[in-house]
PDB file of N, CA and C in Angstrom:
ATOM      1  N   PHE A   1     -21.022 -73.334  -0.145  1.00  0.00           N
ATOM      2  CA  PHE A   1     -21.693 -73.298   1.157  1.00  0.00           C
ATOM      3  C   PHE A   1     -23.111 -72.792   0.948  1.00  0.00           C
ATOM      4  N   GLN A   2     -24.068 -73.537   1.427  1.00  0.00           N
ATOM      5  CA  GLN A   2     -25.473 -73.155   1.307  1.00  0.00           C
ATOM      6  C   GLN A   2     -25.968 -72.666   2.661  1.00  0.00           C
ATOM      7  N   ALA A   3     -26.515 -71.471   2.701  1.00  0.00           N
ATOM      8  CA  ALA A   3     -27.015 -70.903   3.959  1.00  0.00           C
ATOM      9  C   ALA A   3     -28.525 -71.055   4.040  1.00  0.00           C
ATOM     10  N   TRP A   4     -28.998 -71.600   5.174  1.00  0.00           N
ATOM     11  CA  TRP A   4     -30.436 -71.774   5.404  1.00  0.00           C
ATOM     12  C   TRP A   4     -31.003 -70.614   6.209  1.00  0.00           C
ATOM     13  N   HIS A   5     -30.347 -70.288   7.309  1.00  0.00           N
ATOM     14  CA  HIS A   5     -30.805 -69.209   8.188  1.00  0.00           C
ATOM     15  C   HIS A   5     -29.609 -68.457   8.757  1.00  0.00           C
ATOM     16  N   LEU A   6     -29.853 -67.215   9.090  1.00  0.00           N
ATOM     17  CA  LEU A   6     -28.845 -66.364   9.723  1.00  0.00           C
ATOM     18  C   LEU A   6     -29.397 -65.845  11.037  1.00  0.00           C
ATOM     19  N   ALA A   7     -28.513 -65.601  11.989  1.00  0.00           N
ATOM     20  CA  ALA A   7     -28.913 -64.970  13.244  1.00  0.00           C
ATOM     21  C   ALA A   7     -27.809 -64.017  13.670  1.00  0.00           C
ATOM     22  N   LEU A   8     -28.193 -62.812  14.025  1.00  0.00           N
ATOM     23  CA  LEU A   8     -27.277 -61.815  14.556  1.00  0.00           C
ATOM     24  C   LEU A   8     -27.463 -61.776  16.063  1.00  0.00           C
ATOM     25  N   SER A   9     -26.362 -61.853  16.800  1.00  0.00           N
ATOM     26  CA  SER A   9     -26.473 -61.812  18.260  1.00  0.00           C
ATOM     27  C   SER A   9     -27.013 -60.449  18.694  1.00  0.00           C
ATOM     28  N   HIS A  10     -27.636 -60.426  19.848  1.00  0.00           N
ATOM     29  CA  HIS A  10     -28.245 -59.198  20.356  1.00  0.00           C
ATOM     30  C   HIS A  10     -27.207 -58.102  20.622  1.00  0.00           C
ATOM     31  N   ASP A  11     -25.978 -58.507  20.944  1.00  0.00           N
ATOM     32  CA  ASP A  11     -24.917 -57.508  21.155  1.00  0.00           C
ATOM     33  C   ASP A  11     -24.195 -57.147  19.850  1.00  0.00           C
ATOM     34  N   ARG A  12     -24.626 -57.750  18.768  1.00  0.00           N
ATOM     35  CA  ARG A  12     -24.112 -57.490  17.413  1.00  0.00           C
ATOM     36  C   ARG A  12     -22.631 -57.842  17.245  1.00  0.00           C
ATOM     37  N   ARG A  13     -22.150 -58.749  18.066  1.00  0.00           N
ATOM     38  CA  ARG A  13     -20.753 -59.203  17.948  1.00  0.00           C
ATOM     39  C   ARG A  13     -20.631 -60.432  17.058  1.00  0.00           C
ATOM     40  N   TRP A  14     -21.700 -61.210  16.957  1.00  0.00           N
ATOM     41  CA  TRP A  14     -21.652 -62.512  16.306  1.00  0.00           C
ATOM     42  C   TRP A  14     -22.718 -62.637  15.232  1.00  0.00           C
ATOM     43  N   LEU A  15     -22.373 -63.343  14.156  1.00  0.00           N
ATOM     44  CA  LEU A  15     -23.323 -63.742  13.134  1.00  0.00           C
ATOM     45  C   LEU A  15     -23.219 -65.247  13.005  1.00  0.00           C
ATOM     46  N   ALA A  16     -24.335 -65.933  13.161  1.00  0.00           N
ATOM     47  CA  ALA A  16     -24.361 -67.382  13.003  1.00  0.00           C
ATOM     48  C   ALA A  16     -25.084 -67.702  11.701  1.00  0.00           C
ATOM     49  N   VAL A  17     -24.536 -68.667  10.974  1.00  0.00           N
ATOM     50  CA  VAL A  17     -25.091 -69.070   9.689  1.00  0.00           C
ATOM     51  C   VAL A  17     -25.338 -70.574   9.734  1.00  0.00           C
ATOM     52  N   ALA A  18     -26.592 -70.976   9.526  1.00  0.00           N
ATOM     53  CA  ALA A  18     -26.920 -72.403   9.433  1.00  0.00           C
ATOM     54  C   ALA A  18     -26.696 -72.811   7.988  1.00  0.00           C
ATOM     55  N   GLY A  19     -25.816 -73.770   7.778  1.00  0.00           N
ATOM     56  CA  GLY A  19     -25.513 -74.241   6.438  1.00  0.00           C
ATOM     57  C   GLY A  19     -25.873 -75.701   6.279  1.00  0.00           C
ATOM     58  N   GLY A  20     -25.706 -76.207   5.108  1.00  0.00           N
ATOM     59  CA  GLY A  20     -26.035 -77.589   4.813  1.00  0.00           C
ATOM     60  C   GLY A  20     -24.987 -78.570   5.291  1.00  0.00           C
ATOM     61  N   GLU A  21     -25.297 -79.833   5.135  1.00  0.00           N
ATOM     62  CA  GLU A  21     -24.403 -80.960   5.396  1.00  0.00           C
ATOM     63  C   GLU A  21     -23.677 -80.914   6.728  1.00  0.00           C
ATOM     64  N   GLY A  22     -24.422 -80.673   7.791  1.00  0.00           N
ATOM     65  CA  GLY A  22     -23.874 -80.798   9.132  1.00  0.00           C
ATOM     66  C   GLY A  22     -23.086 -79.628   9.641  1.00  0.00           C
ATOM     67  N   GLY A  23     -22.983 -78.569   8.867  1.00  0.00           N
ATOM     68  CA  GLY A  23     -22.132 -77.480   9.301  1.00  0.00           C
ATOM     69  C   GLY A  23     -22.803 -76.126   9.288  1.00  0.00           C
ATOM     70  N   GLY A  24     -22.094 -75.203   9.863  1.00  0.00           N
ATOM     71  CA  GLY A  24     -22.510 -73.815   9.891  1.00  0.00           C
ATOM     72  C   GLY A  24     -21.292 -72.974  10.187  1.00  0.00           C
ATOM     73  N   LEU A  25     -21.519 -71.682  10.279  1.00  0.00           N
ATOM     74  CA  LEU A  25     -20.432 -70.765  10.575  1.00  0.00           C
ATOM     75  C   LEU A  25     -20.809 -69.874  11.742  1.00  0.00           C
ATOM     76  N   LEU A  26     -19.820 -69.542  12.536  1.00  0.00           N
ATOM     77  CA  LEU A  26     -19.960 -68.551  13.592  1.00  0.00           C
ATOM     78  C   LEU A  26     -18.934 -67.470  13.294  1.00  0.00           C
ATOM     79  N   VAL A  27     -19.422 -66.280  12.941  1.00  0.00           N
ATOM     80  CA  VAL A  27     -18.560 -65.189  12.510  1.00  0.00           C
ATOM     81  C   VAL A  27     -18.425 -64.175  13.640  1.00  0.00           C
ATOM     82  N   ASN A  28     -17.190 -63.861  14.000  1.00  0.00           N
ATOM     83  CA  ASN A  28     -16.894 -62.787  14.944  1.00  0.00           C
ATOM     84  C   ASN A  28     -16.784 -61.513  14.122  1.00  0.00           C
ATOM     85  N   LEU A  29     -17.794 -60.662  14.197  1.00  0.00           N
ATOM     86  CA  LEU A  29     -17.833 -59.474  13.346  1.00  0.00           C
ATOM     87  C   LEU A  29     -16.759 -58.459  13.695  1.00  0.00           C
ATOM     88  N   ALA A  30     -16.410 -58.341  14.965  1.00  0.00           N
ATOM     89  CA  ALA A  30     -15.387 -57.376  15.382  1.00  0.00           C
ATOM     90  C   ALA A  30     -14.003 -57.784  14.892  1.00  0.00           C
ATOM     91  N   ALA A  31     -13.710 -59.064  14.943  1.00  0.00           N
ATOM     92  CA  ALA A  31     -12.387 -59.547  14.560  1.00  0.00           C
ATOM     93  C   ALA A  31     -12.312 -59.977  13.093  1.00  0.00           C
ATOM     94  N   ALA A  32     -13.461 -59.984  12.420  1.00  0.00           N
ATOM     95  CA  ALA A  32     -13.524 -60.428  11.022  1.00  0.00           C
ATOM     96  C   ALA A  32     -12.929 -61.828  10.866  1.00  0.00           C
ATOM     97  N   SER A  33     -13.310 -62.713  11.774  1.00  0.00           N
ATOM     98  CA  SER A  33     -12.858 -64.102  11.723  1.00  0.00           C
ATOM     99  C   SER A  33     -14.069 -65.016  11.890  1.00  0.00           C
ATOM    100  N   PHE A  34     -13.881 -66.289  11.577  1.00  0.00           N
ATOM    101  CA  PHE A  34     -15.000 -67.222  11.722  1.00  0.00           C
ATOM    102  C   PHE A  34     -14.516 -68.590  12.163  1.00  0.00           C
ATOM    103  N   ARG A  35     -15.477 -69.352  12.700  1.00  0.00           N
ATOM    104  CA  ARG A  35     -15.252 -70.754  13.073  1.00  0.00           C
ATOM    105  C   ARG A  35     -16.321 -71.587  12.380  1.00  0.00           C
ATOM    106  N   ARG A  36     -15.956 -72.770  11.994  1.00  0.00           N
ATOM    107  CA  ARG A  36     -16.935 -73.706  11.453  1.00  0.00           C
ATOM    108  C   ARG A  36     -17.556 -74.483  12.612  1.00  0.00           C
ATOM    109  N   LEU A  37     -18.860 -74.679  12.538  1.00  0.00           N
ATOM    110  CA  LEU A  37     -19.585 -75.498  13.505  1.00  0.00           C
ATOM    111  C   LEU A  37     -19.993 -76.767  12.766  1.00  0.00           C
ATOM    112  N   THR A  38     -19.365 -77.893  13.107  1.00  0.00           N
ATOM    113  CA  THR A  38     -19.504 -79.094  12.272  1.00  0.00           C
ATOM    114  C   THR A  38     -19.952 -80.341  13.021  1.00  0.00           C
ATOM    115  N   ASN A  39     -20.471 -80.223  14.214  1.00  0.00           N
ATOM    116  CA  ASN A  39     -20.750 -81.418  15.006  1.00  0.00           C
ATOM    117  C   ASN A  39     -22.098 -82.077  14.733  1.00  0.00           C
ATOM    118  N   HIS A  40     -22.963 -81.479  13.921  1.00  0.00           N
ATOM    119  CA  HIS A  40     -24.224 -82.136  13.577  1.00  0.00           C
ATOM    120  C   HIS A  40     -23.961 -83.240  12.554  1.00  0.00           C
ATOM    121  N   LEU A  41     -24.789 -84.281  12.594  1.00  0.00           N
ATOM    122  CA  LEU A  41     -24.622 -85.405  11.678  1.00  0.00           C
ATOM    123  C   LEU A  41     -25.350 -85.197  10.357  1.00  0.00           C
ATOM    124  N   ASP A  42     -26.202 -84.195  10.283  1.00  0.00           N
ATOM    125  CA  ASP A  42     -26.966 -83.918   9.068  1.00  0.00           C
ATOM    126  C   ASP A  42     -27.081 -82.405   8.915  1.00  0.00           C
ATOM    127  N   GLN A  43     -27.907 -81.949   8.002  1.00  0.00           N
ATOM    128  CA  GLN A  43     -27.999 -80.528   7.709  1.00  0.00           C
ATOM    129  C   GLN A  43     -28.417 -79.697   8.919  1.00  0.00           C
ATOM    130  N   MET A  44     -27.670 -78.621   9.155  1.00  0.00           N
ATOM    131  CA  MET A  44     -28.032 -77.643  10.171  1.00  0.00           C
ATOM    132  C   MET A  44     -29.070 -76.725   9.539  1.00  0.00           C
ATOM    133  N   LYS A  45     -30.233 -76.605  10.176  1.00  0.00           N
ATOM    134  CA  LYS A  45     -31.339 -75.866   9.579  1.00  0.00           C
ATOM    135  C   LYS A  45     -31.644 -74.528  10.235  1.00  0.00           C
ATOM    136  N   ASP A  46     -31.253 -74.312  11.475  1.00  0.00           N
ATOM    137  CA  ASP A  46     -31.619 -73.062  12.140  1.00  0.00           C
ATOM    138  C   ASP A  46     -30.598 -72.709  13.205  1.00  0.00           C
ATOM    139  N   VAL A  47     -30.528 -71.420  13.510  1.00  0.00           N
ATOM    140  CA  VAL A  47     -29.625 -70.889  14.531  1.00  0.00           C
ATOM    141  C   VAL A  47     -30.347 -69.798  15.311  1.00  0.00           C
ATOM    142  N   ALA A  48     -30.018 -69.663  16.601  1.00  0.00           N
ATOM    143  CA  ALA A  48     -30.608 -68.601  17.427  1.00  0.00           C
ATOM    144  C   ALA A  48     -29.680 -68.321  18.604  1.00  0.00           C
ATOM    145  N   PHE A  49     -29.609 -67.043  18.970  1.00  0.00           N
ATOM    146  CA  PHE A  49     -28.820 -66.622  20.129  1.00  0.00           C
ATOM    147  C   PHE A  49     -29.729 -66.393  21.327  1.00  0.00           C
ATOM    148  N   SER A  50     -29.182 -66.597  22.520  1.00  0.00           N
ATOM    149  CA  SER A  50     -29.889 -66.242  23.740  1.00  0.00           C
ATOM    150  C   SER A  50     -29.951 -64.718  23.842  1.00  0.00           C
ATOM    151  N   PRO A  51     -30.888 -64.186  24.632  1.00  0.00           N
ATOM    152  CA  PRO A  51     -31.010 -62.728  24.755  1.00  0.00           C
ATOM    153  C   PRO A  51     -29.737 -62.023  25.228  1.00  0.00           C
ATOM    154  N   ASP A  52     -28.903 -62.706  26.021  1.00  0.00           N
ATOM    155  CA  ASP A  52     -27.662 -62.080  26.494  1.00  0.00           C
ATOM    156  C   ASP A  52     -26.468 -62.347  25.562  1.00  0.00           C
ATOM    157  N   SER A  53     -26.705 -63.011  24.432  1.00  0.00           N
ATOM    158  CA  SER A  53     -25.692 -63.311  23.406  1.00  0.00           C
ATOM    159  C   SER A  53     -24.595 -64.254  23.883  1.00  0.00           C
ATOM    160  N   ARG A  54     -24.775 -64.902  25.020  1.00  0.00           N
ATOM    161  CA  ARG A  54     -23.742 -65.786  25.568  1.00  0.00           C
ATOM    162  C   ARG A  54     -23.939 -67.244  25.195  1.00  0.00           C
ATOM    163  N   LEU A  55     -25.006 -67.536  24.444  1.00  0.00           N
ATOM    164  CA  LEU A  55     -25.316 -68.906  24.078  1.00  0.00           C
ATOM    165  C   LEU A  55     -25.879 -68.919  22.664  1.00  0.00           C
ATOM    166  N   LEU A  56     -25.449 -69.884  21.871  1.00  0.00           N
ATOM    167  CA  LEU A  56     -25.952 -70.087  20.527  1.00  0.00           C
ATOM    168  C   LEU A  56     -26.572 -71.472  20.462  1.00  0.00           C
ATOM    169  N   ALA A  57     -27.761 -71.563  19.898  1.00  0.00           N
ATOM    170  CA  ALA A  57     -28.415 -72.851  19.674  1.00  0.00           C
ATOM    171  C   ALA A  57     -28.459 -73.109  18.180  1.00  0.00           C
ATOM    172  N   THR A  58     -28.119 -74.349  17.780  1.00  0.00           N
ATOM    173  CA  THR A  58     -28.216 -74.757  16.384  1.00  0.00           C
ATOM    174  C   THR A  58     -29.106 -75.992  16.316  1.00  0.00           C
ATOM    175  N   ALA A  59     -29.969 -76.044  15.302  1.00  0.00           N
ATOM    176  CA  ALA A  59     -30.888 -77.176  15.137  1.00  0.00           C
ATOM    177  C   ALA A  59     -30.605 -77.868  13.812  1.00  0.00           C
ATOM    178  N   SER A  60     -30.708 -79.187  13.832  1.00  0.00           N
ATOM    179  CA  SER A  60     -30.398 -79.989  12.657  1.00  0.00           C
ATOM    180  C   SER A  60     -31.520 -80.972  12.357  1.00  0.00           C
ATOM    181  N   VAL A  61     -31.581 -81.406  11.107  1.00  0.00           N
ATOM    182  CA  VAL A  61     -32.544 -82.448  10.748  1.00  0.00           C
ATOM    183  C   VAL A  61     -32.142 -83.799  11.319  1.00  0.00           C
ATOM    184  N   ASP A  62     -30.979 -83.898  11.959  1.00  0.00           N
ATOM    185  CA  ASP A  62     -30.586 -85.143  12.633  1.00  0.00           C
ATOM    186  C   ASP A  62     -31.309 -85.329  13.965  1.00  0.00           C
ATOM    187  N   GLY A  63     -32.200 -84.379  14.312  1.00  0.00           N
ATOM    188  CA  GLY A  63     -32.982 -84.498  15.540  1.00  0.00           C
ATOM    189  C   GLY A  63     -32.289 -83.947  16.771  1.00  0.00           C
ATOM    190  N   THR A  64     -31.218 -83.166  16.569  1.00  0.00           N
ATOM    191  CA  THR A  64     -30.509 -82.607  17.716  1.00  0.00           C
ATOM    192  C   THR A  64     -30.522 -81.085  17.682  1.00  0.00           C
ATOM    193  N   ILE A  65     -30.427 -80.518  18.865  1.00  0.00           N
ATOM    194  CA  ILE A  65     -30.147 -79.104  19.056  1.00  0.00           C
ATOM    195  C   ILE A  65     -28.851 -79.052  19.845  1.00  0.00           C
ATOM    196  N   LYS A  66     -27.911 -78.278  19.362  1.00  0.00           N
ATOM    197  CA  LYS A  66     -26.633 -78.142  20.059  1.00  0.00           C
ATOM    198  C   LYS A  66     -26.524 -76.733  20.619  1.00  0.00           C
ATOM    199  N   LEU A  67     -25.968 -76.639  21.817  1.00  0.00           N
ATOM    200  CA  LEU A  67     -25.737 -75.362  22.482  1.00  0.00           C
ATOM    201  C   LEU A  67     -24.242 -75.084  22.467  1.00  0.00           C
ATOM    202  N   TRP A  68     -23.896 -73.842  22.097  1.00  0.00           N
ATOM    203  CA  TRP A  68     -22.508 -73.451  21.907  1.00  0.00           C
ATOM    204  C   TRP A  68     -22.190 -72.192  22.698  1.00  0.00           C
ATOM    205  N   ASN A  69     -20.935 -72.040  23.067  1.00  0.00           N
ATOM    206  CA  ASN A  69     -20.417 -70.798  23.623  1.00  0.00           C
ATOM    207  C   ASN A  69     -19.813 -70.014  22.460  1.00  0.00           C
ATOM    208  N   PRO A  70     -20.427 -68.903  22.034  1.00  0.00           N
ATOM    209  CA  PRO A  70     -19.889 -68.167  20.897  1.00  0.00           C
ATOM    210  C   PRO A  70     -18.462 -67.648  21.115  1.00  0.00           C
ATOM    211  N   ALA A  71     -18.128 -67.268  22.328  1.00  0.00           N
ATOM    212  CA  ALA A  71     -16.808 -66.699  22.598  1.00  0.00           C
ATOM    213  C   ALA A  71     -15.685 -67.708  22.372  1.00  0.00           C
ATOM    214  N   THR A  72     -15.941 -68.985  22.660  1.00  0.00           N
ATOM    215  CA  THR A  72     -14.905 -70.002  22.515  1.00  0.00           C
ATOM    216  C   THR A  72     -15.149 -70.944  21.337  1.00  0.00           C
ATOM    217  N   GLY A  73     -16.389 -70.979  20.846  1.00  0.00           N
ATOM    218  CA  GLY A  73     -16.750 -71.915  19.789  1.00  0.00           C
ATOM    219  C   GLY A  73     -16.942 -73.328  20.282  1.00  0.00           C
ATOM    220  N   SER A  74     -16.931 -73.524  21.601  1.00  0.00           N
ATOM    221  CA  SER A  74     -17.051 -74.875  22.147  1.00  0.00           C
ATOM    222  C   SER A  74     -18.514 -75.296  22.265  1.00  0.00           C
ATOM    223  N   GLU A  75     -18.731 -76.571  22.018  1.00  0.00           N
ATOM    224  CA  GLU A  75     -20.060 -77.163  22.169  1.00  0.00           C
ATOM    225  C   GLU A  75     -20.293 -77.436  23.657  1.00  0.00           C
ATOM    226  N   LEU A  76     -21.433 -76.984  24.167  1.00  0.00           N
ATOM    227  CA  LEU A  76     -21.736 -77.128  25.594  1.00  0.00           C
ATOM    228  C   LEU A  76     -22.666 -78.296  25.893  1.00  0.00           C
ATOM    229  N   ALA A  77     -23.607 -78.557  24.990  1.00  0.00           N
ATOM    230  CA  ALA A  77     -24.589 -79.620  25.249  1.00  0.00           C
ATOM    231  C   ALA A  77     -25.263 -80.019  23.943  1.00  0.00           C
ATOM    232  N   THR A  78     -25.815 -81.236  23.952  1.00  0.00           N
ATOM    233  CA  THR A  78     -26.622 -81.722  22.831  1.00  0.00           C
ATOM    234  C   THR A  78     -27.972 -82.157  23.392  1.00  0.00           C
ATOM    235  N   LEU A  79     -29.023 -81.624  22.817  1.00  0.00           N
ATOM    236  CA  LEU A  79     -30.401 -81.997  23.162  1.00  0.00           C
ATOM    237  C   LEU A  79     -30.938 -82.853  22.026  1.00  0.00           C
ATOM    238  N   ARG A  80     -31.499 -84.008  22.350  1.00  0.00           N
ATOM    239  CA  ARG A  80     -31.954 -84.943  21.311  1.00  0.00           C
ATOM    240  C   ARG A  80     -33.478 -85.060  21.280  1.00  0.00           C
ATOM    241  N   GLY A  81     -33.990 -85.367  20.083  1.00  0.00           N
ATOM    242  CA  GLY A  81     -35.384 -85.739  19.962  1.00  0.00           C
ATOM    243  C   GLY A  81     -36.310 -84.674  19.395  1.00  0.00           C
ATOM    244  N   HIS A  82     -35.806 -83.530  18.973  1.00  0.00           N
ATOM    245  CA  HIS A  82     -36.713 -82.529  18.408  1.00  0.00           C
ATOM    246  C   HIS A  82     -37.059 -82.916  16.973  1.00  0.00           C
ATOM    247  N   GLN A  83     -38.131 -82.352  16.467  1.00  0.00           N
ATOM    248  CA  GLN A  83     -38.539 -82.588  15.089  1.00  0.00           C
ATOM    249  C   GLN A  83     -38.486 -81.267  14.341  1.00  0.00           C
ATOM    250  N   THR A  84     -37.975 -81.294  13.114  1.00  0.00           N
ATOM    251  CA  THR A  84     -37.894 -80.069  12.320  1.00  0.00           C
ATOM    252  C   THR A  84     -39.168 -79.843  11.544  1.00  0.00           C
TER     253      THR A  84
END
């Protein structure tokens, strides 16, 4: 697993890791568990949490930004057309 960027949520409950080949990790630090984030079609290059830690954004070289709910790991939306 190759890590490009890391982001710690503002409430320090979550660690997001942008990895290569379309995936990343969302780590629940309190529970010592993780989920794979795999919905990008190409390399995930960046991750960022909202100020209230209730939203995670991931950016990929496939031209998409995906919004996630860290608590459930569910994908909420896909934004298309950004450039890395």
